[in-house]
Amino acid sequence: MLRLAETSRPDPLPVDDLTQFDAWRDRCRSRLRRLLGPFPERVAPNFEVLEDEPADGYRRQKVVFDSEATMSVPAYLLVPDGGEAERPAVLAVHGHGPGKAAVCGIEPTGAPNGDYALQLVRRGFVVLAPDLRCFGERQDWNPPDHYACDTNLVHAVMAGVSPMSQNLWDLVCCLDVLAAHPLVDPARIGAAGLSYGGTMTLLLAAWDSRVKAAVVSGYFSSWAEAHKVPWNMCGSQVLPGMLGELEHVDLGALIAPRPLLVETGTEDMIFPLPAAETAVGDLIKVYAQLGAERALEHDVFEGDHQWHGARAYPFLERWL
């Protein structure tokens, strides 16, 4: 807490003088690139379908593709039945828990409404749901008293990288896979995620403009506020030196004017409503300055740390 109190923000989002916004955004993009560190060399995805089975109104394919020379990404690809025309697509990013199987409705989600990949394919979207590193099929054995995300952070830091950057790179490769799919319109790709999935959706949409609409659930608030809660953060959600250099609202400003919906539960103790309202309030000014007021929504619902979906699905249908 003492370190947080001494942390200043040398280049915050200029919400009180948005004539400076374009220059600030260029600096923020450069700052984000520096904080992320180096990315690996691009490799051919070598996309493979391992399983292909019919489900209720869609096909569920278990797929795998490469993101690095020595790293592969397992995922489920959900494709609606009917027609060969190009469709909109959504990258569904899971939070902490079982991984891709939960958002696809294969395993219990542990929270209400958590099967958003399944709900999206039932609404006609092609959906790609990958496992992030340390989750699902990508979780290595750990001693029972070790938390996989934190152990992975230790190993990554020794190698000069961060898990957040590694997962961002994997999601960029997921966009490559979706954009290349014959049933996907590459101009209509969105992203959505809860909790850590919200973390990565926000980061991905800020980084890659191919994300044409984003839903960030149970996350958008403030890293400075999260720093005050000892049990709030994990090794997968931090970048070295990020405190004071980058905030959630900054990433939101990099997304603008592309459509963004934020979900916040009134009882979310991890990413609390007051911090979310402050961040969204600042972001509203940016979207207004860019003439895109309708493209930003904040769904505040009665509930805790969970996916809501009531406005998220119509939002994605409207913008994609």
C-alpha atoms as a PDB file:
ATOM      1  CA  MET A   1       0.000   0.000   0.000  1.00  0.00           C
ATOM      2  CA  LEU A   2       2.877   2.382   0.700  1.00  0.00           C
ATOM      3  CA  ARG A   3       4.254   1.737  -2.793  1.00  0.00           C
ATOM      4  CA  LEU A   4       0.812   2.376  -4.279  1.00  0.00           C
ATOM      5  CA  ALA A   5       0.493   5.655  -2.388  1.00  0.00           C
ATOM      6  CA  GLU A   6       3.844   6.755  -3.810  1.00  0.00           C
ATOM      7  CA  THR A   7       2.970   5.741  -7.381  1.00  0.00           C
ATOM      8  CA  SER A   8       2.108   8.593  -9.722  1.00  0.00           C
ATOM      9  CA  ARG A   9       0.693   8.556 -13.229  1.00  0.00           C
ATOM     10  CA  PRO A  10       3.012  10.646 -15.385  1.00  0.00           C
ATOM     11  CA  ASP A  11       0.868  10.389 -18.527  1.00  0.00           C
ATOM     12  CA  PRO A  12      -2.795   9.697 -17.665  1.00  0.00           C
ATOM     13  CA  LEU A  13      -5.653   9.754 -20.135  1.00  0.00           C
ATOM     14  CA  PRO A  14      -6.315  13.497 -20.694  1.00  0.00           C
ATOM     15  CA  VAL A  15     -10.070  13.374 -20.006  1.00  0.00           C
ATOM     16  CA  ASP A  16     -10.161  17.083 -19.156  1.00  0.00           C
ATOM     17  CA  ASP A  17      -8.449  18.143 -22.396  1.00  0.00           C
ATOM     18  CA  LEU A  18      -9.275  15.681 -25.136  1.00  0.00           C
ATOM     19  CA  THR A  19      -7.676  17.920 -27.751  1.00  0.00           C
ATOM     20  CA  GLN A  20      -4.535  16.087 -26.593  1.00  0.00           C
ATOM     21  CA  PHE A  21      -6.092  12.653 -27.103  1.00  0.00           C
ATOM     22  CA  ASP A  22      -4.511  11.654 -30.428  1.00  0.00           C
ATOM     23  CA  ALA A  23      -0.983  12.405 -29.245  1.00  0.00           C
ATOM     24  CA  TRP A  24      -1.652  10.653 -25.934  1.00  0.00           C
ATOM     25  CA  ARG A  25      -2.975   7.563 -27.710  1.00  0.00           C
ATOM     26  CA  ASP A  26       0.221   7.276 -29.746  1.00  0.00           C
ATOM     27  CA  ARG A  27       2.273   7.465 -26.539  1.00  0.00           C
ATOM     28  CA  CYS A  28       0.002   4.935 -24.807  1.00  0.00           C
ATOM     29  CA  ARG A  29       0.379   2.447 -27.647  1.00  0.00           C
ATOM     30  CA  SER A  30       4.146   2.768 -27.432  1.00  0.00           C
ATOM     31  CA  ARG A  31       4.014   2.320 -23.656  1.00  0.00           C
ATOM     32  CA  LEU A  32       1.878  -0.793 -23.989  1.00  0.00           C
ATOM     33  CA  ARG A  33       4.290  -2.258 -26.522  1.00  0.00           C
ATOM     34  CA  ARG A  34       7.209  -1.647 -24.159  1.00  0.00           C
ATOM     35  CA  LEU A  35       5.420  -3.209 -21.182  1.00  0.00           C
ATOM     36  CA  LEU A  36       4.409  -6.299 -23.151  1.00  0.00           C
ATOM     37  CA  GLY A  37       7.999  -7.044 -24.078  1.00  0.00           C
ATOM     38  CA  PRO A  38       9.080  -9.159 -27.045  1.00  0.00           C
ATOM     39  CA  PHE A  39       6.710 -11.420 -28.924  1.00  0.00           C
ATOM     40  CA  PRO A  40       7.833 -14.684 -30.533  1.00  0.00           C
ATOM     41  CA  GLU A  41       8.349 -15.108 -34.258  1.00  0.00           C
ATOM     42  CA  ARG A  42       5.242 -15.919 -36.257  1.00  0.00           C
ATOM     43  CA  VAL A  43       4.862 -19.527 -37.343  1.00  0.00           C
ATOM     44  CA  ALA A  44       2.421 -21.339 -39.605  1.00  0.00           C
ATOM     45  CA  PRO A  45      -0.617 -22.380 -37.509  1.00  0.00           C
ATOM     46  CA  ASN A  46      -0.663 -25.973 -38.815  1.00  0.00           C
ATOM     47  CA  PHE A  47      -4.364 -26.060 -37.927  1.00  0.00           C
ATOM     48  CA  GLU A  48      -5.704 -29.545 -37.174  1.00  0.00           C
ATOM     49  CA  VAL A  49      -9.184 -30.864 -36.385  1.00  0.00           C
ATOM     50  CA  LEU A  50      -8.808 -33.643 -33.828  1.00  0.00           C
ATOM     51  CA  GLU A  51     -12.504 -34.344 -33.220  1.00  0.00           C
ATOM     52  CA  ASP A  52     -15.659 -33.312 -35.062  1.00  0.00           C
ATOM     53  CA  GLU A  53     -19.069 -34.124 -33.648  1.00  0.00           C
ATOM     54  CA  PRO A  54     -22.614 -32.847 -34.149  1.00  0.00           C
ATOM     55  CA  ALA A  55     -24.335 -31.076 -31.266  1.00  0.00           C
ATOM     56  CA  ASP A  56     -27.682 -29.337 -30.803  1.00  0.00           C
ATOM     57  CA  GLY A  57     -27.797 -26.950 -33.766  1.00  0.00           C
ATOM     58  CA  TYR A  58     -24.027 -26.749 -34.292  1.00  0.00           C
ATOM     59  CA  ARG A  59     -20.858 -28.771 -34.757  1.00  0.00           C
ATOM     60  CA  ARG A  60     -18.222 -28.902 -32.046  1.00  0.00           C
ATOM     61  CA  GLN A  61     -14.698 -29.433 -33.289  1.00  0.00           C
ATOM     62  CA  LYS A  62     -11.729 -30.022 -31.042  1.00  0.00           C
ATOM     63  CA  VAL A  63      -8.847 -28.293 -32.772  1.00  0.00           C
ATOM     64  CA  VAL A  64      -5.189 -27.463 -32.183  1.00  0.00           C
ATOM     65  CA  PHE A  65      -2.851 -24.977 -33.866  1.00  0.00           C
ATOM     66  CA  ASP A  66       0.619 -23.563 -33.313  1.00  0.00           C
ATOM     67  CA  SER A  67       1.359 -20.124 -31.893  1.00  0.00           C
ATOM     68  CA  GLU A  68       5.123 -20.618 -31.501  1.00  0.00           C
ATOM     69  CA  ALA A  69       7.676 -23.074 -32.802  1.00  0.00           C
ATOM     70  CA  THR A  70       7.353 -25.009 -29.526  1.00  0.00           C
ATOM     71  CA  MET A  71       3.821 -24.088 -28.406  1.00  0.00           C
ATOM     72  CA  SER A  72       0.380 -25.237 -29.526  1.00  0.00           C
ATOM     73  CA  VAL A  73      -3.070 -23.947 -28.573  1.00  0.00           C
ATOM     74  CA  PRO A  74      -5.911 -26.440 -27.958  1.00  0.00           C
ATOM     75  CA  ALA A  75      -9.387 -25.032 -28.558  1.00  0.00           C
ATOM     76  CA  TYR A  76     -12.994 -25.800 -29.374  1.00  0.00           C
ATOM     77  CA  LEU A  77     -14.393 -24.436 -32.615  1.00  0.00           C
ATOM     78  CA  LEU A  78     -18.190 -24.187 -32.561  1.00  0.00           C
ATOM     79  CA  VAL A  79     -19.846 -23.807 -35.966  1.00  0.00           C
ATOM     80  CA  PRO A  80     -23.613 -23.254 -36.388  1.00  0.00           C
ATOM     81  CA  ASP A  81     -25.529 -25.621 -38.642  1.00  0.00           C
ATOM     82  CA  GLY A  82     -26.841 -24.457 -41.983  1.00  0.00           C
ATOM     83  CA  GLY A  83     -25.432 -22.616 -44.950  1.00  0.00           C
ATOM     84  CA  GLU A  84     -22.003 -21.881 -46.296  1.00  0.00           C
ATOM     85  CA  ALA A  85     -22.172 -18.079 -46.145  1.00  0.00           C
ATOM     86  CA  GLU A  86     -19.624 -16.142 -44.146  1.00  0.00           C
ATOM     87  CA  ARG A  87     -20.755 -15.440 -40.597  1.00  0.00           C
ATOM     88  CA  PRO A  88     -19.679 -13.189 -37.756  1.00  0.00           C
ATOM     89  CA  ALA A  89     -17.378 -14.833 -35.244  1.00  0.00           C
ATOM     90  CA  VAL A  90     -16.492 -14.375 -31.588  1.00  0.00           C
ATOM     91  CA  LEU A  91     -13.366 -15.365 -29.714  1.00  0.00           C
ATOM     92  CA  ALA A  92     -14.696 -16.579 -26.339  1.00  0.00           C
ATOM     93  CA  VAL A  93     -12.020 -16.254 -23.655  1.00  0.00           C
ATOM     94  CA  HIS A  94     -12.479 -18.200 -20.407  1.00  0.00           C
ATOM     95  CA  GLY A  95     -11.694 -17.034 -16.889  1.00  0.00           C
ATOM     96  CA  HIS A  96     -10.169 -18.962 -13.993  1.00  0.00           C
ATOM     97  CA  GLY A  97     -11.541 -22.488 -13.790  1.00  0.00           C
ATOM     98  CA  PRO A  98     -11.693 -25.484 -16.128  1.00  0.00           C
ATOM     99  CA  GLY A  99     -10.852 -23.484 -19.249  1.00  0.00           C
ATOM    100  CA  LYS A 100     -12.509 -23.791 -22.643  1.00  0.00           C
ATOM    101  CA  ALA A 101     -14.733 -26.693 -21.566  1.00  0.00           C
ATOM    102  CA  ALA A 102     -16.620 -24.448 -19.149  1.00  0.00           C
ATOM    103  CA  VAL A 103     -17.495 -21.649 -21.578  1.00  0.00           C
ATOM    104  CA  CYS A 104     -18.572 -24.292 -24.113  1.00  0.00           C
ATOM    105  CA  GLY A 105     -20.992 -25.862 -21.615  1.00  0.00           C
ATOM    106  CA  ILE A 106     -19.082 -29.145 -21.442  1.00  0.00           C
ATOM    107  CA  GLU A 107     -18.045 -28.778 -17.783  1.00  0.00           C
ATOM    108  CA  PRO A 108     -19.705 -26.814 -14.966  1.00  0.00           C
ATOM    109  CA  THR A 109     -18.713 -23.155 -15.029  1.00  0.00           C
ATOM    110  CA  GLY A 110     -18.868 -22.568 -11.261  1.00  0.00           C
ATOM    111  CA  ALA A 111     -20.860 -19.361 -11.811  1.00  0.00           C
ATOM    112  CA  PRO A 112     -24.193 -18.478 -13.406  1.00  0.00           C
ATOM    113  CA  ASN A 113     -24.384 -17.988 -17.179  1.00  0.00           C
ATOM    114  CA  GLY A 114     -20.766 -18.966 -17.731  1.00  0.00           C
ATOM    115  CA  ASP A 115     -21.369 -20.993 -20.917  1.00  0.00           C
ATOM    116  CA  TYR A 116     -21.198 -17.916 -23.163  1.00  0.00           C
ATOM    117  CA  ALA A 117     -19.411 -19.709 -26.024  1.00  0.00           C
ATOM    118  CA  LEU A 118     -22.321 -22.129 -26.221  1.00  0.00           C
ATOM    119  CA  GLN A 119     -24.865 -19.299 -26.065  1.00  0.00           C
ATOM    120  CA  LEU A 120     -23.054 -17.444 -28.842  1.00  0.00           C
ATOM    121  CA  VAL A 121     -22.996 -20.369 -31.291  1.00  0.00           C
ATOM    122  CA  ARG A 122     -26.717 -20.873 -30.655  1.00  0.00           C
ATOM    123  CA  ARG A 123     -27.178 -17.266 -31.809  1.00  0.00           C
ATOM    124  CA  GLY A 124     -25.434 -17.950 -35.114  1.00  0.00           C
ATOM    125  CA  PHE A 125     -21.829 -16.960 -34.380  1.00  0.00           C
ATOM    126  CA  VAL A 126     -18.827 -19.080 -35.240  1.00  0.00           C
ATOM    127  CA  VAL A 127     -17.029 -19.330 -31.895  1.00  0.00           C
ATOM    128  CA  LEU A 128     -13.435 -20.180 -31.079  1.00  0.00           C
ATOM    129  CA  ALA A 129     -12.786 -20.990 -27.401  1.00  0.00           C
ATOM    130  CA  PRO A 130      -9.093 -21.682 -26.621  1.00  0.00           C
ATOM    131  CA  ASP A 131      -7.391 -22.809 -23.446  1.00  0.00           C
ATOM    132  CA  LEU A 132      -5.129 -20.099 -22.061  1.00  0.00           C
ATOM    133  CA  ARG A 133      -1.784 -21.137 -20.625  1.00  0.00           C
ATOM    134  CA  CYS A 134      -2.089 -22.896 -17.232  1.00  0.00           C
ATOM    135  CA  PHE A 135      -5.746 -23.804 -17.864  1.00  0.00           C
ATOM    136  CA  GLY A 136      -7.615 -26.778 -19.271  1.00  0.00           C
ATOM    137  CA  GLU A 137      -5.412 -28.997 -21.392  1.00  0.00           C
ATOM    138  CA  ARG A 138      -2.513 -26.589 -20.873  1.00  0.00           C
ATOM    139  CA  GLN A 139      -2.350 -26.966 -17.093  1.00  0.00           C
ATOM    140  CA  ASP A 140       0.676 -28.894 -15.921  1.00  0.00           C
ATOM    141  CA  TRP A 141       0.708 -30.771 -12.641  1.00  0.00           C
ATOM    142  CA  ASN A 142       1.324 -28.553  -9.616  1.00  0.00           C
ATOM    143  CA  PRO A 143       1.757 -29.383  -5.926  1.00  0.00           C
ATOM    144  CA  PRO A 144      -1.558 -28.772  -4.128  1.00  0.00           C
ATOM    145  CA  ASP A 145      -0.154 -25.726  -2.346  1.00  0.00           C
ATOM    146  CA  HIS A 146       1.044 -24.064  -5.580  1.00  0.00           C
ATOM    147  CA  TYR A 147      -1.128 -21.767  -7.698  1.00  0.00           C
ATOM    148  CA  ALA A 148      -0.465 -22.458 -11.380  1.00  0.00           C
ATOM    149  CA  CYS A 149      -0.629 -18.823 -12.526  1.00  0.00           C
ATOM    150  CA  ASP A 150       1.910 -17.707  -9.925  1.00  0.00           C
ATOM    151  CA  THR A 151       4.256 -20.626 -10.588  1.00  0.00           C
ATOM    152  CA  ASN A 152       4.087 -19.864 -14.289  1.00  0.00           C
ATOM    153  CA  LEU A 153       4.924 -16.214 -13.613  1.00  0.00           C
ATOM    154  CA  VAL A 154       8.100 -17.235 -11.764  1.00  0.00           C
ATOM    155  CA  HIS A 155       9.213 -19.421 -14.666  1.00  0.00           C
ATOM    156  CA  ALA A 156       8.290 -16.786 -17.251  1.00  0.00           C
ATOM    157  CA  VAL A 157      10.143 -13.985 -15.447  1.00  0.00           C
ATOM    158  CA  MET A 158      13.304 -16.090 -15.376  1.00  0.00           C
ATOM    159  CA  ALA A 159      12.974 -16.376 -19.165  1.00  0.00           C
ATOM    160  CA  GLY A 160      12.366 -12.648 -19.591  1.00  0.00           C
ATOM    161  CA  VAL A 161       8.695 -12.867 -20.594  1.00  0.00           C
ATOM    162  CA  SER A 162       5.282 -12.510 -18.920  1.00  0.00           C
ATOM    163  CA  PRO A 163       2.288 -14.906 -19.031  1.00  0.00           C
ATOM    164  CA  MET A 164       0.007 -11.992 -19.925  1.00  0.00           C
ATOM    165  CA  SER A 165       2.076 -11.280 -23.035  1.00  0.00           C
ATOM    166  CA  GLN A 166       2.240 -14.979 -23.891  1.00  0.00           C
ATOM    167  CA  ASN A 167      -1.528 -15.358 -23.677  1.00  0.00           C
ATOM    168  CA  LEU A 168      -2.038 -12.186 -25.701  1.00  0.00           C
ATOM    169  CA  TRP A 169       0.144 -13.637 -28.432  1.00  0.00           C
ATOM    170  CA  ASP A 170      -1.864 -16.868 -28.412  1.00  0.00           C
ATOM    171  CA  LEU A 171      -5.095 -14.855 -28.780  1.00  0.00           C
ATOM    172  CA  VAL A 172      -3.634 -12.886 -31.683  1.00  0.00           C
ATOM    173  CA  CYS A 173      -2.990 -16.264 -33.314  1.00  0.00           C
ATOM    174  CA  CYS A 174      -6.593 -17.225 -32.521  1.00  0.00           C
ATOM    175  CA  LEU A 175      -7.719 -14.187 -34.530  1.00  0.00           C
ATOM    176  CA  ASP A 176      -5.535 -15.416 -37.396  1.00  0.00           C
ATOM    177  CA  VAL A 177      -7.313 -18.781 -37.276  1.00  0.00           C
ATOM    178  CA  LEU A 178     -10.781 -17.220 -37.207  1.00  0.00           C
ATOM    179  CA  ALA A 179      -9.996 -14.753 -39.991  1.00  0.00           C
ATOM    180  CA  ALA A 180      -8.772 -17.605 -42.214  1.00  0.00           C
ATOM    181  CA  HIS A 181     -11.814 -19.838 -41.629  1.00  0.00           C
ATOM    182  CA  PRO A 182     -13.958 -20.161 -44.781  1.00  0.00           C
ATOM    183  CA  LEU A 183     -17.212 -19.629 -42.851  1.00  0.00           C
ATOM    184  CA  VAL A 184     -16.042 -16.467 -41.068  1.00  0.00           C
ATOM    185  CA  ASP A 185     -16.321 -12.899 -42.290  1.00  0.00           C
ATOM    186  CA  PRO A 186     -12.950 -11.481 -41.160  1.00  0.00           C
ATOM    187  CA  ALA A 187     -14.452  -7.994 -40.939  1.00  0.00           C
ATOM    188  CA  ARG A 188     -16.940  -9.178 -38.279  1.00  0.00           C
ATOM    189  CA  ILE A 189     -14.889 -10.725 -35.480  1.00  0.00           C
ATOM    190  CA  GLY A 190     -15.546  -9.926 -31.824  1.00  0.00           C
ATOM    191  CA  ALA A 191     -14.161 -11.040 -28.476  1.00  0.00           C
ATOM    192  CA  ALA A 192     -15.781 -11.681 -25.097  1.00  0.00           C
ATOM    193  CA  GLY A 193     -14.650 -12.916 -21.717  1.00  0.00           C
ATOM    194  CA  LEU A 194     -15.327 -13.013 -17.980  1.00  0.00           C
ATOM    195  CA  SER A 195     -12.790 -12.263 -15.227  1.00  0.00           C
ATOM    196  CA  TYR A 196      -9.375 -13.278 -16.573  1.00  0.00           C
ATOM    197  CA  GLY A 197     -11.165 -13.689 -19.885  1.00  0.00           C
ATOM    198  CA  GLY A 198     -12.199 -10.050 -19.464  1.00  0.00           C
ATOM    199  CA  THR A 199      -8.582  -9.111 -18.785  1.00  0.00           C
ATOM    200  CA  MET A 200      -7.434 -10.705 -22.000  1.00  0.00           C
ATOM    201  CA  THR A 201     -10.397  -9.468 -24.052  1.00  0.00           C
ATOM    202  CA  LEU A 202      -9.669  -5.889 -22.994  1.00  0.00           C
ATOM    203  CA  LEU A 203      -5.972  -6.275 -23.764  1.00  0.00           C
ATOM    204  CA  LEU A 204      -6.550  -8.025 -27.092  1.00  0.00           C
ATOM    205  CA  ALA A 205      -9.079  -5.470 -28.329  1.00  0.00           C
ATOM    206  CA  ALA A 206      -6.712  -2.642 -27.369  1.00  0.00           C
ATOM    207  CA  TRP A 207      -3.837  -4.368 -29.166  1.00  0.00           C
ATOM    208  CA  ASP A 208      -5.498  -5.773 -32.299  1.00  0.00           C
ATOM    209  CA  SER A 209      -7.989  -3.728 -34.327  1.00  0.00           C
ATOM    210  CA  ARG A 210      -9.372  -6.885 -35.948  1.00  0.00           C
ATOM    211  CA  VAL A 211     -11.564  -7.132 -32.823  1.00  0.00           C
ATOM    212  CA  LYS A 212     -14.546  -5.142 -34.074  1.00  0.00           C
ATOM    213  CA  ALA A 213     -16.602  -5.400 -30.866  1.00  0.00           C
ATOM    214  CA  ALA A 214     -15.694  -6.523 -27.348  1.00  0.00           C
ATOM    215  CA  VAL A 215     -17.513  -7.589 -24.172  1.00  0.00           C
ATOM    216  CA  VAL A 216     -15.464  -7.257 -20.980  1.00  0.00           C
ATOM    217  CA  SER A 217     -17.274  -8.874 -18.047  1.00  0.00           C
ATOM    218  CA  GLY A 218     -16.284  -8.849 -14.380  1.00  0.00           C
ATOM    219  CA  TYR A 219     -13.036  -6.992 -14.904  1.00  0.00           C
ATOM    220  CA  PHE A 220     -13.028  -3.388 -16.202  1.00  0.00           C
ATOM    221  CA  SER A 221     -12.169  -1.161 -13.239  1.00  0.00           C
ATOM    222  CA  SER A 222      -8.620  -0.263 -12.178  1.00  0.00           C
ATOM    223  CA  TRP A 223      -5.283  -1.952 -11.577  1.00  0.00           C
ATOM    224  CA  ALA A 224      -4.567   0.578  -8.838  1.00  0.00           C
ATOM    225  CA  GLU A 225      -7.755  -0.491  -7.021  1.00  0.00           C
ATOM    226  CA  ALA A 226      -6.956  -4.176  -7.570  1.00  0.00           C
ATOM    227  CA  HIS A 227      -3.500  -3.579  -6.057  1.00  0.00           C
ATOM    228  CA  LYS A 228      -5.218  -2.808  -2.748  1.00  0.00           C
ATOM    229  CA  VAL A 229      -6.781  -6.279  -2.500  1.00  0.00           C
ATOM    230  CA  PRO A 230      -4.136  -8.868  -1.525  1.00  0.00           C
ATOM    231  CA  TRP A 231      -5.990 -11.848  -3.028  1.00  0.00           C
ATOM    232  CA  ASN A 232      -7.222 -10.094  -6.149  1.00  0.00           C
ATOM    233  CA  MET A 233      -4.430 -10.557  -8.657  1.00  0.00           C
ATOM    234  CA  CYS A 234      -2.611 -13.582 -10.041  1.00  0.00           C
ATOM    235  CA  GLY A 235       0.575 -14.156 -11.975  1.00  0.00           C
ATOM    236  CA  SER A 236      -1.264 -14.243 -15.298  1.00  0.00           C
ATOM    237  CA  GLN A 237      -2.685 -10.729 -14.946  1.00  0.00           C
ATOM    238  CA  VAL A 238       0.341  -8.507 -14.462  1.00  0.00           C
ATOM    239  CA  LEU A 239       3.050  -6.873 -16.546  1.00  0.00           C
ATOM    240  CA  PRO A 240       6.357  -5.774 -15.001  1.00  0.00           C
ATOM    241  CA  GLY A 241       6.245  -2.079 -14.150  1.00  0.00           C
ATOM    242  CA  MET A 242       2.619  -1.587 -15.205  1.00  0.00           C
ATOM    243  CA  LEU A 243       1.429   0.217 -12.060  1.00  0.00           C
ATOM    244  CA  GLY A 244       1.135   3.916 -12.851  1.00  0.00           C
ATOM    245  CA  GLU A 245       2.060   3.306 -16.491  1.00  0.00           C
ATOM    246  CA  LEU A 246      -1.183   1.792 -17.722  1.00  0.00           C
ATOM    247  CA  GLU A 247      -4.790   1.538 -16.555  1.00  0.00           C
ATOM    248  CA  HIS A 248      -7.938  -0.251 -17.626  1.00  0.00           C
ATOM    249  CA  VAL A 249      -9.397   3.007 -18.938  1.00  0.00           C
ATOM    250  CA  ASP A 250      -6.258   3.515 -21.037  1.00  0.00           C
ATOM    251  CA  LEU A 251      -6.829   0.190 -22.783  1.00  0.00           C
ATOM    252  CA  GLY A 252     -10.483   1.142 -23.266  1.00  0.00           C
ATOM    253  CA  ALA A 253      -9.352   4.376 -24.901  1.00  0.00           C
ATOM    254  CA  LEU A 254      -7.167   2.386 -27.310  1.00  0.00           C
ATOM    255  CA  ILE A 255     -10.271   0.407 -28.303  1.00  0.00           C
ATOM    256  CA  ALA A 256     -12.371   3.520 -28.973  1.00  0.00           C
ATOM    257  CA  PRO A 257     -14.332   4.151 -31.130  1.00  0.00           C
ATOM    258  CA  ARG A 258     -14.905   0.421 -31.708  1.00  0.00           C
ATOM    259  CA  PRO A 259     -17.892  -0.976 -29.779  1.00  0.00           C
ATOM    260  CA  LEU A 260     -17.216  -1.997 -26.168  1.00  0.00           C
ATOM    261  CA  LEU A 261     -19.635  -3.328 -23.561  1.00  0.00           C
ATOM    262  CA  VAL A 262     -18.603  -3.585 -19.912  1.00  0.00           C
ATOM    263  CA  GLU A 263     -20.484  -5.847 -17.476  1.00  0.00           C
ATOM    264  CA  THR A 264     -20.258  -5.167 -13.730  1.00  0.00           C
ATOM    265  CA  GLY A 265     -22.101  -6.924 -10.919  1.00  0.00           C
ATOM    266  CA  THR A 266     -23.255  -4.736  -8.048  1.00  0.00           C
ATOM    267  CA  GLU A 267     -21.781  -7.219  -5.553  1.00  0.00           C
ATOM    268  CA  ASP A 268     -18.506  -7.965  -7.365  1.00  0.00           C
ATOM    269  CA  MET A 269     -15.904  -7.817  -4.581  1.00  0.00           C
ATOM    270  CA  ILE A 270     -12.982  -8.505  -6.935  1.00  0.00           C
ATOM    271  CA  PHE A 271     -13.569  -5.678  -9.407  1.00  0.00           C
ATOM    272  CA  PRO A 272     -15.971  -3.412  -7.515  1.00  0.00           C
ATOM    273  CA  LEU A 273     -18.644  -1.243  -9.057  1.00  0.00           C
ATOM    274  CA  PRO A 274     -17.386   2.204  -7.870  1.00  0.00           C
ATOM    275  CA  ALA A 275     -14.030   1.713  -9.625  1.00  0.00           C
ATOM    276  CA  ALA A 276     -15.813   0.454 -12.745  1.00  0.00           C
ATOM    277  CA  GLU A 277     -18.159   3.448 -12.793  1.00  0.00           C
ATOM    278  CA  THR A 278     -15.236   5.861 -12.503  1.00  0.00           C
ATOM    279  CA  ALA A 279     -13.343   4.186 -15.349  1.00  0.00           C
ATOM    280  CA  VAL A 280     -16.385   3.935 -17.607  1.00  0.00           C
ATOM    281  CA  GLY A 281     -17.266   7.558 -16.802  1.00  0.00           C
ATOM    282  CA  ASP A 282     -13.890   8.698 -18.110  1.00  0.00           C
ATOM    283  CA  LEU A 283     -14.200   6.459 -21.145  1.00  0.00           C
ATOM    284  CA  ILE A 284     -17.620   7.924 -21.988  1.00  0.00           C
ATOM    285  CA  LYS A 285     -15.891  11.272 -22.564  1.00  0.00           C
ATOM    286  CA  VAL A 286     -13.501   9.668 -25.047  1.00  0.00           C
ATOM    287  CA  TYR A 287     -16.261   7.967 -27.000  1.00  0.00           C
ATOM    288  CA  ALA A 288     -18.245  11.202 -27.045  1.00  0.00           C
ATOM    289  CA  GLN A 289     -15.217  13.111 -28.348  1.00  0.00           C
ATOM    290  CA  LEU A 290     -14.951  10.552 -31.168  1.00  0.00           C
ATOM    291  CA  GLY A 291     -18.671  10.756 -31.969  1.00  0.00           C
ATOM    292  CA  ALA A 292     -19.261   7.138 -30.924  1.00  0.00           C
ATOM    293  CA  GLU A 293     -21.427   7.457 -27.795  1.00  0.00           C
ATOM    294  CA  ARG A 294     -23.677   4.556 -28.797  1.00  0.00           C
ATOM    295  CA  ALA A 295     -20.719   2.213 -29.165  1.00  0.00           C
ATOM    296  CA  LEU A 296     -19.956   2.167 -25.401  1.00  0.00           C
ATOM    297  CA  GLU A 297     -22.293   0.449 -22.946  1.00  0.00           C
ATOM    298  CA  HIS A 298     -22.083  -0.361 -19.244  1.00  0.00           C
ATOM    299  CA  ASP A 299     -24.354  -3.167 -18.069  1.00  0.00           C
ATOM    300  CA  VAL A 300     -24.627  -2.873 -14.281  1.00  0.00           C
ATOM    301  CA  PHE A 301     -26.599  -5.855 -12.974  1.00  0.00           C
ATOM    302  CA  GLU A 302     -27.655  -7.267  -9.620  1.00  0.00           C
ATOM    303  CA  GLY A 303     -25.137  -9.997  -8.876  1.00  0.00           C
ATOM    304  CA  ASP A 304     -21.543 -10.771  -8.063  1.00  0.00           C
ATOM    305  CA  HIS A 305     -18.505 -11.835 -10.083  1.00  0.00           C
ATOM    306  CA  GLN A 306     -20.246 -13.515 -13.022  1.00  0.00           C
ATOM    307  CA  TRP A 307     -21.197 -13.253 -16.675  1.00  0.00           C
ATOM    308  CA  HIS A 308     -24.559 -11.571 -17.179  1.00  0.00           C
ATOM    309  CA  GLY A 309     -25.228 -11.640 -20.932  1.00  0.00           C
ATOM    310  CA  ALA A 310     -28.585  -9.827 -20.979  1.00  0.00           C
ATOM    311  CA  ARG A 311     -27.171  -6.957 -23.028  1.00  0.00           C
ATOM    312  CA  ALA A 312     -24.011  -8.648 -24.259  1.00  0.00           C
ATOM    313  CA  TYR A 313     -25.634 -10.956 -26.817  1.00  0.00           C
ATOM    314  CA  PRO A 314     -27.811  -8.251 -28.451  1.00  0.00           C
ATOM    315  CA  PHE A 315     -24.767  -5.958 -28.391  1.00  0.00           C
ATOM    316  CA  LEU A 316     -22.650  -8.430 -30.371  1.00  0.00           C
ATOM    317  CA  GLU A 317     -25.510  -9.176 -32.748  1.00  0.00           C
ATOM    318  CA  ARG A 318     -25.968  -5.451 -33.423  1.00  0.00           C
ATOM    319  CA  TRP A 319     -22.330  -4.591 -34.019  1.00  0.00           C
ATOM    320  CA  LEU A 320     -21.163  -7.758 -35.790  1.00  0.00           C
END
